[in-house]
């Protein structure tokens, strides 16, 4: 699986775009990148690339459903921010956050407390 991930990163650096559609792998590549070597690598890693692209797509769809979430992190003095474009969580010092972010974190914290009290 590491081979597919590394190949995908390399292809993206070369502006080669891949899209999984069921068992099909659609390739959009600049003319200079469309080589016999590229075609052989795609054939060799097709199944792993499709699996990786599908996992990536599902992860991004889930991230999009979550949207932007701002809450207090477990680490005191930090805010956790969910990035809806990548699905990743980032922790940043609260001291560097604009007031609206801290307000959102407080609202999220208050809603969790209320939910816990009523549940």
N, C-alpha and C. Protein backbone atom coordinates (compact mmCIF):
# COMPACT_ATOMS: atom_id res chain seq x y z
N UNK A 1 0.83 -1.20 0.00
CA UNK A 1 0.00 0.00 0.00
C UNK A 1 0.87 1.26 0.00
N UNK A 2 2.02 1.16 0.64
CA UNK A 2 2.92 2.31 0.65
C UNK A 2 3.33 2.66 -0.77
N UNK A 3 3.50 1.67 -1.64
CA UNK A 3 3.87 1.91 -3.02
C UNK A 3 2.84 2.77 -3.73
N UNK A 4 1.56 2.50 -3.52
CA UNK A 4 0.50 3.27 -4.16
C UNK A 4 0.49 4.70 -3.65
N UNK A 5 0.67 4.88 -2.35
CA UNK A 5 0.67 6.23 -1.78
C UNK A 5 1.84 7.04 -2.32
N UNK A 6 3.02 6.43 -2.36
CA UNK A 6 4.21 7.13 -2.87
C UNK A 6 4.04 7.45 -4.35
N UNK A 7 3.49 6.50 -5.11
CA UNK A 7 3.26 6.74 -6.54
C UNK A 7 2.27 7.87 -6.73
N UNK A 8 1.20 7.87 -5.94
CA UNK A 8 0.20 8.93 -6.05
C UNK A 8 0.80 10.30 -5.74
N UNK A 9 1.62 10.38 -4.71
CA UNK A 9 2.28 11.65 -4.38
C UNK A 9 3.18 12.10 -5.52
N UNK A 10 3.94 11.16 -6.08
CA UNK A 10 4.83 11.49 -7.19
C UNK A 10 4.03 11.98 -8.40
N UNK A 11 2.93 11.30 -8.69
CA UNK A 11 2.10 11.69 -9.84
C UNK A 11 1.50 13.08 -9.63
N UNK A 12 1.06 13.36 -8.43
CA UNK A 12 0.50 14.69 -8.15
C UNK A 12 1.55 15.78 -8.32
N UNK A 13 2.78 15.49 -7.94
CA UNK A 13 3.86 16.46 -8.13
C UNK A 13 4.11 16.72 -9.61
N UNK A 14 3.82 15.71 -10.45
CA UNK A 14 4.01 15.85 -11.90
C UNK A 14 2.72 16.31 -12.59
N UNK A 15 1.74 16.78 -11.81
CA UNK A 15 0.45 17.26 -12.32
C UNK A 15 -0.38 16.19 -13.01
N UNK A 16 -0.17 14.94 -12.62
CA UNK A 16 -0.99 13.84 -13.12
C UNK A 16 -2.14 13.66 -12.14
N UNK A 17 -3.36 13.74 -12.63
CA UNK A 17 -4.54 13.62 -11.77
C UNK A 17 -5.21 12.27 -12.02
N UNK A 18 -5.55 11.59 -10.94
CA UNK A 18 -6.23 10.30 -11.03
C UNK A 18 -7.59 10.40 -10.37
N UNK A 19 -8.54 9.67 -10.94
CA UNK A 19 -9.88 9.60 -10.34
C UNK A 19 -10.37 8.17 -10.44
N UNK A 20 -10.81 7.63 -9.31
CA UNK A 20 -11.35 6.27 -9.28
C UNK A 20 -12.84 6.34 -9.54
N UNK A 21 -13.31 5.44 -10.41
CA UNK A 21 -14.73 5.34 -10.72
C UNK A 21 -15.05 3.85 -10.79
N UNK A 22 -15.45 3.30 -9.65
CA UNK A 22 -15.66 1.86 -9.60
C UNK A 22 -14.33 1.16 -9.80
N UNK A 23 -14.25 0.30 -10.81
CA UNK A 23 -13.00 -0.40 -11.11
C UNK A 23 -12.18 0.32 -12.17
N UNK A 24 -12.66 1.49 -12.60
CA UNK A 24 -11.95 2.27 -13.61
C UNK A 24 -11.06 3.30 -12.93
N UNK A 25 -9.93 3.56 -13.56
CA UNK A 25 -9.01 4.58 -13.09
C UNK A 25 -8.85 5.59 -14.22
N UNK A 26 -9.40 6.79 -14.03
CA UNK A 26 -9.30 7.84 -15.04
C UNK A 26 -8.03 8.63 -14.79
N UNK A 27 -7.29 8.89 -15.86
CA UNK A 27 -6.00 9.57 -15.76
C UNK A 27 -6.03 10.83 -16.60
N UNK A 28 -5.64 11.94 -16.00
CA UNK A 28 -5.48 13.21 -16.70
C UNK A 28 -4.03 13.63 -16.50
N UNK A 29 -3.24 13.53 -17.57
CA UNK A 29 -1.80 13.79 -17.44
C UNK A 29 -1.33 14.74 -18.53
N UNK A 30 -0.41 15.63 -18.19
CA UNK A 30 0.20 16.48 -19.21
C UNK A 30 0.93 15.59 -20.23
N UNK A 31 1.04 16.05 -21.45
CA UNK A 31 1.64 15.25 -22.52
C UNK A 31 3.03 14.74 -22.15
N UNK A 32 3.84 15.60 -21.50
CA UNK A 32 5.21 15.19 -21.18
C UNK A 32 5.26 14.11 -20.10
N UNK A 33 4.18 13.96 -19.33
CA UNK A 33 4.16 12.94 -18.27
C UNK A 33 3.61 11.61 -18.77
N UNK A 34 2.94 11.64 -19.93
CA UNK A 34 2.31 10.44 -20.48
C UNK A 34 3.37 9.57 -21.18
N UNK A 35 4.00 8.71 -20.38
CA UNK A 35 5.08 7.87 -20.90
C UNK A 35 4.71 6.39 -20.74
N UNK A 36 5.48 5.54 -21.40
CA UNK A 36 5.28 4.10 -21.24
C UNK A 36 5.53 3.69 -19.79
N UNK A 37 6.50 4.35 -19.15
CA UNK A 37 6.81 4.07 -17.74
C UNK A 37 5.60 4.39 -16.85
N UNK A 38 4.95 5.53 -17.11
CA UNK A 38 3.76 5.91 -16.34
C UNK A 38 2.66 4.88 -16.54
N UNK A 39 2.41 4.51 -17.78
CA UNK A 39 1.35 3.54 -18.07
C UNK A 39 1.62 2.20 -17.38
N UNK A 40 2.88 1.77 -17.38
CA UNK A 40 3.24 0.51 -16.73
C UNK A 40 3.03 0.60 -15.21
N UNK A 41 3.42 1.72 -14.62
CA UNK A 41 3.24 1.91 -13.17
C UNK A 41 1.75 1.93 -12.81
N UNK A 42 0.95 2.57 -13.64
CA UNK A 42 -0.50 2.62 -13.38
C UNK A 42 -1.11 1.23 -13.49
N UNK A 43 -0.70 0.46 -14.49
CA UNK A 43 -1.21 -0.91 -14.63
C UNK A 43 -0.81 -1.76 -13.42
N UNK A 44 0.44 -1.64 -13.02
CA UNK A 44 0.94 -2.44 -11.91
C UNK A 44 0.25 -2.12 -10.58
N UNK A 45 -0.05 -0.85 -10.35
CA UNK A 45 -0.60 -0.42 -9.06
C UNK A 45 -2.07 -0.01 -9.12
N UNK A 46 -2.75 -0.37 -10.21
CA UNK A 46 -4.12 0.10 -10.43
C UNK A 46 -5.04 -0.21 -9.24
N UNK A 47 -5.08 -1.45 -8.80
CA UNK A 47 -6.00 -1.82 -7.71
C UNK A 47 -5.69 -1.05 -6.43
N UNK A 48 -4.42 -0.97 -6.08
CA UNK A 48 -4.03 -0.26 -4.86
C UNK A 48 -4.33 1.23 -4.98
N UNK A 49 -4.11 1.80 -6.16
CA UNK A 49 -4.41 3.22 -6.38
C UNK A 49 -5.91 3.48 -6.22
N UNK A 50 -6.73 2.61 -6.80
CA UNK A 50 -8.18 2.78 -6.69
C UNK A 50 -8.61 2.69 -5.23
N UNK A 51 -8.08 1.70 -4.50
CA UNK A 51 -8.43 1.58 -3.07
C UNK A 51 -8.02 2.83 -2.30
N UNK A 52 -6.82 3.31 -2.57
CA UNK A 52 -6.32 4.50 -1.88
C UNK A 52 -7.17 5.72 -2.22
N UNK A 53 -7.49 5.90 -3.49
CA UNK A 53 -8.31 7.05 -3.90
C UNK A 53 -9.71 6.98 -3.30
N UNK A 54 -10.28 5.78 -3.22
CA UNK A 54 -11.61 5.63 -2.63
C UNK A 54 -11.59 5.95 -1.13
N UNK A 55 -10.55 5.49 -0.42
CA UNK A 55 -10.42 5.83 1.01
C UNK A 55 -10.27 7.34 1.18
N UNK A 56 -9.46 7.93 0.34
CA UNK A 56 -9.24 9.38 0.39
C UNK A 56 -10.55 10.13 0.14
N UNK A 57 -11.33 9.66 -0.85
CA UNK A 57 -12.61 10.30 -1.17
C UNK A 57 -13.58 10.19 0.00
N UNK A 58 -13.67 9.00 0.61
CA UNK A 58 -14.57 8.83 1.76
C UNK A 58 -14.16 9.71 2.93
N UNK A 59 -12.85 9.79 3.16
CA UNK A 59 -12.34 10.63 4.26
C UNK A 59 -12.69 12.09 4.02
N UNK A 60 -12.56 12.56 2.79
CA UNK A 60 -12.88 13.95 2.48
C UNK A 60 -14.38 14.22 2.55
N UNK A 61 -15.19 13.23 2.15
CA UNK A 61 -16.65 13.39 2.27
C UNK A 61 -17.04 13.50 3.74
N UNK A 62 -16.43 12.67 4.58
CA UNK A 62 -16.71 12.73 6.02
C UNK A 62 -16.27 14.08 6.59
N UNK A 63 -15.11 14.55 6.16
CA UNK A 63 -14.61 15.85 6.62
C UNK A 63 -15.56 16.96 6.20
N UNK A 64 -16.09 16.85 5.00
CA UNK A 64 -17.03 17.86 4.51
C UNK A 64 -18.32 17.84 5.33
N UNK A 65 -18.77 16.65 5.72
CA UNK A 65 -19.99 16.56 6.55
C UNK A 65 -19.77 17.23 7.90
N UNK A 66 -18.58 17.06 8.46
CA UNK A 66 -18.28 17.69 9.75
C UNK A 66 -18.21 19.20 9.60
N UNK A 67 -17.66 19.65 8.50
CA UNK A 67 -17.47 21.09 8.32
C UNK A 67 -16.38 21.61 9.24
N UNK A 68 -16.37 22.91 9.43
CA UNK A 68 -15.40 23.54 10.31
C UNK A 68 -15.88 23.39 11.75
N UNK A 69 -15.07 22.74 12.57
CA UNK A 69 -15.38 22.57 13.98
C UNK A 69 -14.25 23.19 14.79
N UNK A 70 -14.62 24.01 15.74
CA UNK A 70 -13.64 24.65 16.62
C UNK A 70 -14.05 24.32 18.06
N UNK A 71 -13.14 23.71 18.80
CA UNK A 71 -13.45 23.36 20.19
C UNK A 71 -12.18 23.45 21.02
N UNK A 72 -12.35 23.45 22.32
CA UNK A 72 -11.19 23.45 23.20
C UNK A 72 -10.48 22.11 23.08
N UNK A 73 -9.17 22.14 22.97
CA UNK A 73 -8.37 20.92 22.89
C UNK A 73 -8.22 20.31 24.28
N UNK A 74 -7.78 19.08 24.31
CA UNK A 74 -7.52 18.42 25.60
C UNK A 74 -6.37 19.11 26.33
N UNK A 75 -5.43 19.63 25.56
CA UNK A 75 -4.29 20.35 26.13
C UNK A 75 -4.76 21.73 26.57
N UNK A 76 -4.68 22.08 27.86
CA UNK A 76 -5.14 23.39 28.33
C UNK A 76 -4.46 24.53 27.57
N UNK A 77 -5.26 25.53 27.23
CA UNK A 77 -4.73 26.70 26.54
C UNK A 77 -4.65 26.54 25.04
N UNK A 78 -5.17 25.42 24.51
CA UNK A 78 -5.13 25.18 23.07
C UNK A 78 -6.55 24.99 22.53
N UNK A 79 -6.70 25.33 21.26
CA UNK A 79 -7.97 25.16 20.56
C UNK A 79 -7.75 24.11 19.47
N UNK A 80 -8.70 23.18 19.32
CA UNK A 80 -8.64 22.17 18.27
C UNK A 80 -9.54 22.62 17.12
N UNK A 81 -8.99 22.59 15.92
CA UNK A 81 -9.72 23.04 14.73
C UNK A 81 -9.78 21.88 13.74
N UNK A 82 -11.00 21.54 13.30
CA UNK A 82 -11.19 20.50 12.29
C UNK A 82 -11.19 21.17 10.92
N UNK A 83 -10.27 20.75 10.06
CA UNK A 83 -10.16 21.31 8.72
C UNK A 83 -11.07 20.52 7.78
N UNK A 84 -12.16 21.13 7.28
CA UNK A 84 -13.09 20.39 6.45
C UNK A 84 -12.54 20.05 5.07
N UNK A 85 -11.44 20.64 4.68
CA UNK A 85 -10.88 20.32 3.36
C UNK A 85 -9.98 19.10 3.39
N UNK A 86 -9.44 18.76 4.57
CA UNK A 86 -8.54 17.60 4.67
C UNK A 86 -9.03 16.55 5.65
N UNK A 87 -9.91 16.95 6.57
CA UNK A 87 -10.36 16.04 7.62
C UNK A 87 -9.41 15.98 8.79
N UNK A 88 -8.36 16.77 8.77
CA UNK A 88 -7.37 16.74 9.84
C UNK A 88 -7.76 17.69 10.97
N UNK A 89 -7.30 17.34 12.17
CA UNK A 89 -7.46 18.20 13.33
C UNK A 89 -6.13 18.89 13.59
N UNK A 90 -6.19 20.17 13.92
CA UNK A 90 -5.00 20.94 14.24
C UNK A 90 -5.22 21.60 15.60
N UNK A 91 -4.19 21.58 16.43
CA UNK A 91 -4.26 22.25 17.72
C UNK A 91 -3.36 23.47 17.68
N UNK A 92 -3.94 24.61 18.06
CA UNK A 92 -3.20 25.87 18.04
C UNK A 92 -3.36 26.56 19.39
N UNK A 93 -2.37 27.34 19.80
CA UNK A 93 -2.49 28.06 21.07
C UNK A 93 -3.67 29.03 21.02
N UNK A 94 -4.48 29.02 22.05
CA UNK A 94 -5.63 29.92 22.11
C UNK A 94 -5.18 31.38 22.07
N UNK A 95 -4.00 31.65 22.59
CA UNK A 95 -3.50 33.03 22.61
C UNK A 95 -3.30 33.60 21.21
N UNK A 96 -3.15 32.73 20.21
CA UNK A 96 -2.95 33.20 18.84
C UNK A 96 -4.22 33.19 18.01
N UNK A 97 -5.35 32.84 18.62
CA UNK A 97 -6.62 32.75 17.88
C UNK A 97 -7.38 34.06 17.93
N UNK A 98 -8.08 34.39 16.84
CA UNK A 98 -8.94 35.57 16.88
C UNK A 98 -10.12 35.32 17.81
N UNK A 99 -10.73 36.38 18.33
CA UNK A 99 -11.84 36.23 19.29
C UNK A 99 -12.99 35.36 18.78
N UNK A 100 -13.33 35.44 17.49
CA UNK A 100 -14.46 34.65 16.99
C UNK A 100 -14.18 33.14 17.13
N UNK A 101 -12.92 32.73 17.01
CA UNK A 101 -12.58 31.31 17.18
C UNK A 101 -12.80 30.87 18.62
N UNK A 102 -12.39 31.71 19.55
CA UNK A 102 -12.57 31.38 20.96
C UNK A 102 -14.04 31.35 21.32
N UNK A 103 -14.83 32.25 20.72
CA UNK A 103 -16.28 32.24 20.94
C UNK A 103 -16.88 30.93 20.44
N UNK A 104 -16.46 30.47 19.25
CA UNK A 104 -16.95 29.19 18.72
C UNK A 104 -16.57 28.03 19.63
N UNK A 105 -15.35 28.05 20.15
CA UNK A 105 -14.90 26.98 21.05
C UNK A 105 -15.75 26.97 22.32
N UNK A 106 -16.07 28.16 22.84
CA UNK A 106 -16.91 28.25 24.04
C UNK A 106 -18.31 27.72 23.77
N UNK A 107 -18.87 28.06 22.61
CA UNK A 107 -20.22 27.59 22.25
C UNK A 107 -20.21 26.07 22.14
N UNK A 108 -19.21 25.51 21.46
CA UNK A 108 -19.12 24.06 21.31
C UNK A 108 -19.02 23.39 22.68
N UNK A 109 -18.22 23.96 23.57
CA UNK A 109 -18.04 23.41 24.92
C UNK A 109 -19.36 23.47 25.70
N UNK A 110 -20.07 24.60 25.58
CA UNK A 110 -21.34 24.77 26.29
C UNK A 110 -22.37 23.75 25.78
N UNK A 111 -22.43 23.54 24.46
CA UNK A 111 -23.38 22.57 23.90
C UNK A 111 -23.08 21.15 24.38
N UNK A 112 -21.80 20.81 24.48
CA UNK A 112 -21.43 19.47 24.96
C UNK A 112 -21.84 19.30 26.42
N UNK A 113 -21.65 20.35 27.23
CA UNK A 113 -22.04 20.26 28.65
C UNK A 113 -23.55 20.10 28.77
N UNK A 114 -24.31 20.89 27.98
CA UNK A 114 -25.78 20.81 28.03
C UNK A 114 -26.26 19.44 27.58
N UNK A 115 -25.64 18.91 26.54
CA UNK A 115 -26.02 17.60 26.02
C UNK A 115 -25.76 16.52 27.07
N UNK A 116 -24.63 16.63 27.77
CA UNK A 116 -24.29 15.66 28.82
C UNK A 116 -25.24 15.73 30.00
N UNK A 117 -25.70 16.93 30.34
CA UNK A 117 -26.61 17.11 31.48
C UNK A 117 -28.00 16.56 31.17
N UNK A 118 -28.41 16.65 29.89
CA UNK A 118 -29.76 16.20 29.55
C UNK A 118 -29.79 14.73 29.17
N UNK A 119 -28.61 14.12 28.87
CA UNK A 119 -28.56 12.73 28.40
C UNK A 119 -28.35 11.82 29.47
